[in-house]
């Protein structure tokens, strides 16, 4: 029997059945469930929403090159500029740094550089396998990238182009505003509260939480204290910490098992 509330799912063990393993020890279903529950958290949801950079692809070298070049040209600190740019629409970063400049023109320079520089853009381990295992109607991309850049990076990394995606071109307010994830959930036809967000940046985590979703954060670009402060519900090292399966109820929902521990 499964009792669900929001995206949470708690399972009650079925009556015990026993089997003898190679060692001859008899193990019951309830014992197996208890062992599993000690290391995994089980969730149920109706949709998965993925950020792109740092979640599905590692574009860090390319992003750093482009933003560092732009920052240097404007006499800015490259390292600080790269850090500020992560997880946000590029035009928002430009506007914050150079409020008196023609930020639309400056943003075009950055976008052109990012479209041309895909060297070293690779999929995160396990990302391709996870996406290919999911029903296409149950997941969406929600990224601060421009739409052309999102497609370029997905192709460079050899990842599937999703049927459903929200980019900075589709919203008025970017992350950390909840609008991107609210629109991503709407694309799937489900409430954001029934979605699980995969993020790596504090701005994105805050956007997911503000939309009402649960957020799984990857340790790809930010420290654990930064991820925790932003409100991540779980922090994982990689997709080996997650198991996704379709519900056997015929409801179309997804079940996730997440390795416990941060």
C-alpha atoms as a PDB file:
ATOM      1  CA  UNK A   1       0.000   0.000   0.000  1.00  0.00           C
ATOM      2  CA  UNK A   2       1.373   3.445  -0.886  1.00  0.00           C
ATOM      3  CA  UNK A   3       0.349   6.635   0.875  1.00  0.00           C
ATOM      4  CA  UNK A   4       1.290   9.745  -1.102  1.00  0.00           C
ATOM      5  CA  UNK A   5       1.410  13.379  -0.085  1.00  0.00           C
ATOM      6  CA  UNK A   6       2.818  15.840  -2.589  1.00  0.00           C
ATOM      7  CA  UNK A   7       5.884  14.164  -4.042  1.00  0.00           C
ATOM      8  CA  UNK A   8       6.514  12.045  -0.974  1.00  0.00           C
ATOM      9  CA  UNK A   9       5.801   8.355  -0.988  1.00  0.00           C
ATOM     10  CA  UNK A  10       6.069   6.000   1.954  1.00  0.00           C
ATOM     11  CA  UNK A  11       5.682   2.315   1.355  1.00  0.00           C
ATOM     12  CA  UNK A  12       4.404  -0.206   3.850  1.00  0.00           C
ATOM     13  CA  UNK A  13       5.993  -3.662   3.546  1.00  0.00           C
ATOM     14  CA  UNK A  14       3.739  -6.417   2.258  1.00  0.00           C
ATOM     15  CA  UNK A  15       3.308  -9.618   4.301  1.00  0.00           C
ATOM     16  CA  UNK A  16       6.621 -11.384   4.576  1.00  0.00           C
ATOM     17  CA  UNK A  17       7.672 -14.037   2.139  1.00  0.00           C
ATOM     18  CA  UNK A  18      10.959 -15.827   2.502  1.00  0.00           C
ATOM     19  CA  UNK A  19      13.658 -17.056   0.176  1.00  0.00           C
ATOM     20  CA  UNK A  20      16.950 -18.798   0.702  1.00  0.00           C
ATOM     21  CA  UNK A  21      20.009 -17.170  -0.827  1.00  0.00           C
ATOM     22  CA  UNK A  22      23.308 -18.721  -1.829  1.00  0.00           C
ATOM     23  CA  UNK A  23      24.422 -18.672   1.786  1.00  0.00           C
ATOM     24  CA  UNK A  24      21.329 -20.560   2.865  1.00  0.00           C
ATOM     25  CA  UNK A  25      20.144 -17.604   4.973  1.00  0.00           C
ATOM     26  CA  UNK A  26      16.409 -17.039   4.724  1.00  0.00           C
ATOM     27  CA  UNK A  27      15.510 -13.400   3.996  1.00  0.00           C
ATOM     28  CA  UNK A  28      11.969 -12.054   4.139  1.00  0.00           C
ATOM     29  CA  UNK A  29      10.516  -9.306   1.978  1.00  0.00           C
ATOM     30  CA  UNK A  30      10.056  -7.183   5.081  1.00  0.00           C
ATOM     31  CA  UNK A  31      13.732  -7.601   5.971  1.00  0.00           C
ATOM     32  CA  UNK A  32      14.749  -6.627   2.450  1.00  0.00           C
ATOM     33  CA  UNK A  33      12.462  -3.599   2.604  1.00  0.00           C
ATOM     34  CA  UNK A  34      13.939  -2.577   5.947  1.00  0.00           C
ATOM     35  CA  UNK A  35      17.463  -2.790   4.565  1.00  0.00           C
ATOM     36  CA  UNK A  36      16.477  -0.739   1.519  1.00  0.00           C
ATOM     37  CA  UNK A  37      14.705   1.883   3.629  1.00  0.00           C
ATOM     38  CA  UNK A  38      17.877   2.387   5.644  1.00  0.00           C
ATOM     39  CA  UNK A  39      19.819   3.557   2.587  1.00  0.00           C
ATOM     40  CA  UNK A  40      17.161   4.926   0.207  1.00  0.00           C
ATOM     41  CA  UNK A  41      14.358   7.504   0.326  1.00  0.00           C
ATOM     42  CA  UNK A  42      11.394   6.736  -1.940  1.00  0.00           C
ATOM     43  CA  UNK A  43       9.478   9.527  -3.682  1.00  0.00           C
ATOM     44  CA  UNK A  44       6.597   9.697  -6.122  1.00  0.00           C
ATOM     45  CA  UNK A  45       6.027  12.497  -8.631  1.00  0.00           C
ATOM     46  CA  UNK A  46       4.311  13.269 -11.924  1.00  0.00           C
ATOM     47  CA  UNK A  47       7.168  15.043 -13.666  1.00  0.00           C
ATOM     48  CA  UNK A  48      10.891  15.755 -13.619  1.00  0.00           C
ATOM     49  CA  UNK A  49      12.332  19.183 -14.431  1.00  0.00           C
ATOM     50  CA  UNK A  50      16.034  19.441 -15.281  1.00  0.00           C
ATOM     51  CA  UNK A  51      18.340  22.409 -15.394  1.00  0.00           C
ATOM     52  CA  UNK A  52      21.011  22.080 -18.101  1.00  0.00           C
ATOM     53  CA  UNK A  53      24.500  23.295 -17.205  1.00  0.00           C
ATOM     54  CA  UNK A  54      25.888  21.448 -14.210  1.00  0.00           C
ATOM     55  CA  UNK A  55      22.906  19.088 -14.184  1.00  0.00           C
ATOM     56  CA  UNK A  56      22.814  17.366 -17.573  1.00  0.00           C
ATOM     57  CA  UNK A  57      25.984  18.723 -19.159  1.00  0.00           C
ATOM     58  CA  UNK A  58      29.336  19.943 -17.904  1.00  0.00           C
ATOM     59  CA  UNK A  59      29.978  23.151 -19.822  1.00  0.00           C
ATOM     60  CA  UNK A  60      32.169  24.724 -17.152  1.00  0.00           C
ATOM     61  CA  UNK A  61      35.331  25.169 -19.268  1.00  0.00           C
ATOM     62  CA  UNK A  62      33.418  26.765 -22.160  1.00  0.00           C
ATOM     63  CA  UNK A  63      31.390  29.033 -19.867  1.00  0.00           C
ATOM     64  CA  UNK A  64      34.526  30.136 -18.011  1.00  0.00           C
ATOM     65  CA  UNK A  65      36.370  30.920 -21.243  1.00  0.00           C
ATOM     66  CA  UNK A  66      33.577  33.030 -22.712  1.00  0.00           C
ATOM     67  CA  UNK A  67      32.711  34.970 -19.569  1.00  0.00           C
ATOM     68  CA  UNK A  68      36.370  35.477 -18.595  1.00  0.00           C
ATOM     69  CA  UNK A  69      37.137  36.945 -22.011  1.00  0.00           C
ATOM     70  CA  UNK A  70      34.140  39.289 -21.736  1.00  0.00           C
ATOM     71  CA  UNK A  71      35.014  40.294 -18.169  1.00  0.00           C
ATOM     72  CA  UNK A  72      38.629  41.023 -19.069  1.00  0.00           C
ATOM     73  CA  UNK A  73      37.529  43.212 -21.972  1.00  0.00           C
ATOM     74  CA  UNK A  74      35.537  45.310 -19.492  1.00  0.00           C
ATOM     75  CA  UNK A  75      38.198  45.416 -16.772  1.00  0.00           C
ATOM     76  CA  UNK A  76      36.213  43.113 -14.477  1.00  0.00           C
ATOM     77  CA  UNK A  77      37.352  40.257 -12.245  1.00  0.00           C
ATOM     78  CA  UNK A  78      36.939  37.125 -14.434  1.00  0.00           C
ATOM     79  CA  UNK A  79      36.515  34.661 -11.556  1.00  0.00           C
ATOM     80  CA  UNK A  80      33.870  36.732  -9.806  1.00  0.00           C
ATOM     81  CA  UNK A  81      32.052  37.349 -13.076  1.00  0.00           C
ATOM     82  CA  UNK A  82      31.924  33.640 -13.933  1.00  0.00           C
ATOM     83  CA  UNK A  83      30.581  32.833 -10.465  1.00  0.00           C
ATOM     84  CA  UNK A  84      27.917  35.531 -10.684  1.00  0.00           C
ATOM     85  CA  UNK A  85      26.802  34.356 -14.126  1.00  0.00           C
ATOM     86  CA  UNK A  86      26.180  30.744 -13.151  1.00  0.00           C
ATOM     87  CA  UNK A  87      22.571  29.584 -13.088  1.00  0.00           C
ATOM     88  CA  UNK A  88      21.086  32.891 -14.247  1.00  0.00           C
ATOM     89  CA  UNK A  89      20.053  34.341 -17.608  1.00  0.00           C
ATOM     90  CA  UNK A  90      23.141  35.963 -19.110  1.00  0.00           C
ATOM     91  CA  UNK A  91      21.341  39.216 -19.826  1.00  0.00           C
ATOM     92  CA  UNK A  92      20.412  39.530 -16.137  1.00  0.00           C
ATOM     93  CA  UNK A  93      24.082  39.156 -15.179  1.00  0.00           C
ATOM     94  CA  UNK A  94      25.171  41.757 -17.739  1.00  0.00           C
ATOM     95  CA  UNK A  95      22.486  44.164 -16.529  1.00  0.00           C
ATOM     96  CA  UNK A  96      23.620  43.769 -12.918  1.00  0.00           C
ATOM     97  CA  UNK A  97      27.299  44.257 -13.731  1.00  0.00           C
ATOM     98  CA  UNK A  98      26.996  47.019 -16.331  1.00  0.00           C
ATOM     99  CA  UNK A  99      23.671  48.748 -15.683  1.00  0.00           C
ATOM    100  CA  UNK A 100      24.598  51.762 -17.856  1.00  0.00           C
ATOM    101  CA  UNK A 101      25.766  49.717 -20.840  1.00  0.00           C
ATOM    102  CA  UNK A 102      23.834  48.481 -23.855  1.00  0.00           C
ATOM    103  CA  UNK A 103      23.226  45.171 -22.118  1.00  0.00           C
ATOM    104  CA  UNK A 104      21.295  43.724 -25.082  1.00  0.00           C
ATOM    105  CA  UNK A 105      24.322  44.217 -27.349  1.00  0.00           C
ATOM    106  CA  UNK A 106      26.690  42.911 -24.665  1.00  0.00           C
ATOM    107  CA  UNK A 107      24.515  39.859 -24.163  1.00  0.00           C
ATOM    108  CA  UNK A 108      24.663  39.141 -27.905  1.00  0.00           C
ATOM    109  CA  UNK A 109      28.464  39.102 -27.694  1.00  0.00           C
ATOM    110  CA  UNK A 110      28.321  36.545 -24.887  1.00  0.00           C
ATOM    111  CA  UNK A 111      25.693  34.422 -26.623  1.00  0.00           C
ATOM    112  CA  UNK A 112      27.690  34.350 -29.849  1.00  0.00           C
ATOM    113  CA  UNK A 113      30.774  33.282 -27.936  1.00  0.00           C
ATOM    114  CA  UNK A 114      28.917  30.493 -26.141  1.00  0.00           C
ATOM    115  CA  UNK A 115      27.349  29.231 -29.366  1.00  0.00           C
ATOM    116  CA  UNK A 116      30.781  29.013 -30.990  1.00  0.00           C
ATOM    117  CA  UNK A 117      32.663  27.516 -28.043  1.00  0.00           C
ATOM    118  CA  UNK A 118      31.523  23.960 -27.292  1.00  0.00           C
ATOM    119  CA  UNK A 119      34.944  22.449 -26.669  1.00  0.00           C
ATOM    120  CA  UNK A 120      34.832  20.276 -23.580  1.00  0.00           C
ATOM    121  CA  UNK A 121      31.035  20.243 -23.304  1.00  0.00           C
ATOM    122  CA  UNK A 122      30.225  16.710 -22.136  1.00  0.00           C
ATOM    123  CA  UNK A 123      27.288  14.925 -20.484  1.00  0.00           C
ATOM    124  CA  UNK A 124      27.389  14.384 -16.750  1.00  0.00           C
ATOM    125  CA  UNK A 125      27.902  10.691 -15.922  1.00  0.00           C
ATOM    126  CA  UNK A 126      24.596   8.834 -16.070  1.00  0.00           C
ATOM    127  CA  UNK A 127      22.628  11.750 -17.549  1.00  0.00           C
ATOM    128  CA  UNK A 128      22.151  10.178 -20.983  1.00  0.00           C
ATOM    129  CA  UNK A 129      21.041   6.851 -19.552  1.00  0.00           C
ATOM    130  CA  UNK A 130      18.588   8.518 -17.183  1.00  0.00           C
ATOM    131  CA  UNK A 131      16.977  10.696 -19.869  1.00  0.00           C
ATOM    132  CA  UNK A 132      16.687   7.830 -22.327  1.00  0.00           C
ATOM    133  CA  UNK A 133      14.897   5.756 -19.671  1.00  0.00           C
ATOM    134  CA  UNK A 134      12.219   8.394 -19.038  1.00  0.00           C
ATOM    135  CA  UNK A 135       8.897   8.747 -20.871  1.00  0.00           C
ATOM    136  CA  UNK A 136       9.328  11.851 -23.025  1.00  0.00           C
ATOM    137  CA  UNK A 137       6.095  13.356 -21.747  1.00  0.00           C
ATOM    138  CA  UNK A 138       7.267  13.144 -18.131  1.00  0.00           C
ATOM    139  CA  UNK A 139      10.317  15.406 -18.231  1.00  0.00           C
ATOM    140  CA  UNK A 140      11.232  18.883 -19.392  1.00  0.00           C
ATOM    141  CA  UNK A 141      14.318  21.059 -19.615  1.00  0.00           C
ATOM    142  CA  UNK A 142      14.218  24.331 -17.664  1.00  0.00           C
ATOM    143  CA  UNK A 143      17.341  26.364 -18.335  1.00  0.00           C
ATOM    144  CA  UNK A 144      18.578  29.929 -18.127  1.00  0.00           C
ATOM    145  CA  UNK A 145      20.244  29.440 -21.523  1.00  0.00           C
ATOM    146  CA  UNK A 146      18.843  30.926 -24.701  1.00  0.00           C
ATOM    147  CA  UNK A 147      17.015  28.316 -26.765  1.00  0.00           C
ATOM    148  CA  UNK A 148      19.679  28.058 -29.521  1.00  0.00           C
ATOM    149  CA  UNK A 149      22.423  27.644 -26.908  1.00  0.00           C
ATOM    150  CA  UNK A 150      20.523  24.919 -25.060  1.00  0.00           C
ATOM    151  CA  UNK A 151      20.178  22.919 -28.282  1.00  0.00           C
ATOM    152  CA  UNK A 152      23.849  23.436 -29.182  1.00  0.00           C
ATOM    153  CA  UNK A 153      25.056  22.183 -25.810  1.00  0.00           C
ATOM    154  CA  UNK A 154      22.711  19.200 -25.771  1.00  0.00           C
ATOM    155  CA  UNK A 155      23.917  18.187 -29.229  1.00  0.00           C
ATOM    156  CA  UNK A 156      27.571  18.735 -28.289  1.00  0.00           C
ATOM    157  CA  UNK A 157      27.078  16.457 -25.277  1.00  0.00           C
ATOM    158  CA  UNK A 158      25.193  13.838 -27.307  1.00  0.00           C
ATOM    159  CA  UNK A 159      22.026  14.158 -25.226  1.00  0.00           C
ATOM    160  CA  UNK A 160      18.449  13.920 -26.530  1.00  0.00           C
ATOM    161  CA  UNK A 161      16.697  17.165 -27.408  1.00  0.00           C
ATOM    162  CA  UNK A 162      13.584  17.241 -25.203  1.00  0.00           C
ATOM    163  CA  UNK A 163      10.118  17.684 -26.605  1.00  0.00           C
ATOM    164  CA  UNK A 164       9.391  20.153 -23.829  1.00  0.00           C
ATOM    165  CA  UNK A 165      11.738  22.906 -22.730  1.00  0.00           C
ATOM    166  CA  UNK A 166      11.676  26.321 -21.119  1.00  0.00           C
ATOM    167  CA  UNK A 167      14.559  28.701 -21.805  1.00  0.00           C
ATOM    168  CA  UNK A 168      15.262  32.325 -20.938  1.00  0.00           C
ATOM    169  CA  UNK A 169      13.479  33.201 -24.191  1.00  0.00           C
ATOM    170  CA  UNK A 170      10.220  31.883 -22.737  1.00  0.00           C
ATOM    171  CA  UNK A 171      10.055  33.824 -19.464  1.00  0.00           C
ATOM    172  CA  UNK A 172       9.911  37.405 -18.265  1.00  0.00           C
ATOM    173  CA  UNK A 173      11.559  36.622 -14.939  1.00  0.00           C
ATOM    174  CA  UNK A 174      14.468  34.206 -14.768  1.00  0.00           C
ATOM    175  CA  UNK A 175      15.765  32.139 -11.865  1.00  0.00           C
ATOM    176  CA  UNK A 176      15.614  32.592  -8.858  1.00  0.00           C
ATOM    177  CA  UNK A 177      12.061  33.650  -9.748  1.00  0.00           C
ATOM    178  CA  UNK A 178       9.696  30.621  -9.811  1.00  0.00           C
ATOM    179  CA  UNK A 179       8.359  31.465 -13.299  1.00  0.00           C
ATOM    180  CA  UNK A 180      10.675  29.095 -15.230  1.00  0.00           C
ATOM    181  CA  UNK A 181       9.747  26.051 -13.148  1.00  0.00           C
ATOM    182  CA  UNK A 182       6.070  26.950 -13.009  1.00  0.00           C
ATOM    183  CA  UNK A 183       6.059  27.079 -16.807  1.00  0.00           C
ATOM    184  CA  UNK A 184       8.037  23.848 -17.024  1.00  0.00           C
ATOM    185  CA  UNK A 185       5.453  22.063 -14.899  1.00  0.00           C
ATOM    186  CA  UNK A 186       2.673  23.568 -17.005  1.00  0.00           C
ATOM    187  CA  UNK A 187       4.302  22.111 -20.130  1.00  0.00           C
ATOM    188  CA  UNK A 188       3.977  18.683 -18.521  1.00  0.00           C
ATOM    189  CA  UNK A 189       0.381  19.417 -17.546  1.00  0.00           C
ATOM    190  CA  UNK A 190       0.996  18.863 -13.835  1.00  0.00           C
ATOM    191  CA  UNK A 191       1.264  21.127 -10.769  1.00  0.00           C
ATOM    192  CA  UNK A 192       4.788  22.163  -9.821  1.00  0.00           C
ATOM    193  CA  UNK A 193       4.136  20.628  -6.397  1.00  0.00           C
ATOM    194  CA  UNK A 194       3.999  17.238  -8.123  1.00  0.00           C
ATOM    195  CA  UNK A 195       7.372  17.757  -9.813  1.00  0.00           C
ATOM    196  CA  UNK A 196      10.929  17.120  -8.747  1.00  0.00           C
ATOM    197  CA  UNK A 197      13.574  19.598  -9.882  1.00  0.00           C
ATOM    198  CA  UNK A 198      17.225  18.698 -10.546  1.00  0.00           C
ATOM    199  CA  UNK A 199      19.500  21.697 -10.007  1.00  0.00           C
ATOM    200  CA  UNK A 200      23.067  22.635  -9.190  1.00  0.00           C
ATOM    201  CA  UNK A 201      22.961  26.409  -8.644  1.00  0.00           C
ATOM    202  CA  UNK A 202      21.545  28.292  -5.643  1.00  0.00           C
ATOM    203  CA  UNK A 203      19.478  30.543  -7.940  1.00  0.00           C
ATOM    204  CA  UNK A 204      17.888  27.517  -9.574  1.00  0.00           C
ATOM    205  CA  UNK A 205      17.242  25.783  -6.265  1.00  0.00           C
ATOM    206  CA  UNK A 206      15.465  28.863  -4.974  1.00  0.00           C
ATOM    207  CA  UNK A 207      13.395  29.013  -8.162  1.00  0.00           C
ATOM    208  CA  UNK A 208      12.322  25.385  -7.781  1.00  0.00           C
ATOM    209  CA  UNK A 209      11.444  25.772  -4.121  1.00  0.00           C
ATOM    210  CA  UNK A 210       9.522  28.996  -4.775  1.00  0.00           C
ATOM    211  CA  UNK A 211       7.516  27.137  -7.424  1.00  0.00           C
ATOM    212  CA  UNK A 212       6.528  24.545  -4.810  1.00  0.00           C
ATOM    213  CA  UNK A 213       8.613  21.652  -6.130  1.00  0.00           C
ATOM    214  CA  UNK A 214      11.016  19.375  -4.329  1.00  0.00           C
ATOM    215  CA  UNK A 215      14.617  19.967  -5.357  1.00  0.00           C
ATOM    216  CA  UNK A 216      17.460  17.482  -5.745  1.00  0.00           C
ATOM    217  CA  UNK A 217      20.803  19.289  -5.967  1.00  0.00           C
ATOM    218  CA  UNK A 218      23.927  17.927  -7.620  1.00  0.00           C
ATOM    219  CA  UNK A 219      27.372  18.602  -6.182  1.00  0.00           C
ATOM    220  CA  UNK A 220      28.719  19.683  -9.563  1.00  0.00           C
ATOM    221  CA  UNK A 221      29.327  23.416  -9.217  1.00  0.00           C
ATOM    222  CA  UNK A 222      28.406  24.573  -5.688  1.00  0.00           C
ATOM    223  CA  UNK A 223      29.393  23.567  -2.170  1.00  0.00           C
ATOM    224  CA  UNK A 224      27.079  21.676   0.157  1.00  0.00           C
ATOM    225  CA  UNK A 225      26.604  24.705   2.459  1.00  0.00           C
ATOM    226  CA  UNK A 226      25.556  26.818  -0.567  1.00  0.00           C
ATOM    227  CA  UNK A 227      23.116  24.145  -1.737  1.00  0.00           C
ATOM    228  CA  UNK A 228      21.677  23.704   1.754  1.00  0.00           C
ATOM    229  CA  UNK A 229      21.310  27.448   2.309  1.00  0.00           C
ATOM    230  CA  UNK A 230      19.405  27.725  -0.985  1.00  0.00           C
ATOM    231  CA  UNK A 231      16.932  25.121   0.281  1.00  0.00           C
ATOM    232  CA  UNK A 232      17.826  21.870  -1.510  1.00  0.00           C
ATOM    233  CA  UNK A 233      15.792  18.941  -0.200  1.00  0.00           C
ATOM    234  CA  UNK A 234      18.466  16.383  -1.107  1.00  0.00           C
ATOM    235  CA  UNK A 235      22.054  16.653  -2.271  1.00  0.00           C
ATOM    236  CA  UNK A 236      23.542  13.926  -4.448  1.00  0.00           C
ATOM    237  CA  UNK A 237      26.966  13.307  -5.911  1.00  0.00           C
ATOM    238  CA  UNK A 238      25.621  12.021  -9.214  1.00  0.00           C
ATOM    239  CA  UNK A 239      22.920  10.018 -10.939  1.00  0.00           C
ATOM    240  CA  UNK A 240      24.247   6.778  -9.472  1.00  0.00           C
ATOM    241  CA  UNK A 241      22.514   7.969  -6.291  1.00  0.00           C
ATOM    242  CA  UNK A 242      19.086   7.944  -8.010  1.00  0.00           C
ATOM    243  CA  UNK A 243      16.875   5.144  -9.336  1.00  0.00           C
ATOM    244  CA  UNK A 244      13.820   6.120 -11.403  1.00  0.00           C
ATOM    245  CA  UNK A 245      11.012   3.787 -12.372  1.00  0.00           C
ATOM    246  CA  UNK A 246       7.481   4.118 -13.722  1.00  0.00           C
ATOM    247  CA  UNK A 247       4.579   3.588 -11.349  1.00  0.00           C
ATOM    248  CA  UNK A 248       2.894   0.205 -11.587  1.00  0.00           C
ATOM    249  CA  UNK A 249      -0.501   1.787 -10.813  1.00  0.00           C
ATOM    250  CA  UNK A 250      -1.111   2.815 -14.423  1.00  0.00           C
ATOM    251  CA  UNK A 251      -1.248   6.459 -13.245  1.00  0.00           C
ATOM    252  CA  UNK A 252       1.739   7.570 -15.292  1.00  0.00           C
ATOM    253  CA  UNK A 253       3.562   8.806 -12.203  1.00  0.00           C
ATOM    254  CA  UNK A 254       7.243   8.176 -11.557  1.00  0.00           C
ATOM    255  CA  UNK A 255       8.949   6.639  -8.553  1.00  0.00           C
ATOM    256  CA  UNK A 256      12.370   7.770  -7.414  1.00  0.00           C
ATOM    257  CA  UNK A 257      14.650   6.136  -4.911  1.00  0.00           C
ATOM    258  CA  UNK A 258      17.377   8.444  -3.624  1.00  0.00           C
ATOM    259  CA  UNK A 259      20.388   7.306  -1.651  1.00  0.00           C
ATOM    260  CA  UNK A 260      20.207   8.700   1.870  1.00  0.00           C
ATOM    261  CA  UNK A 261      22.898  10.910   3.265  1.00  0.00           C
ATOM    262  CA  UNK A 262      24.416  14.200   2.173  1.00  0.00           C
END
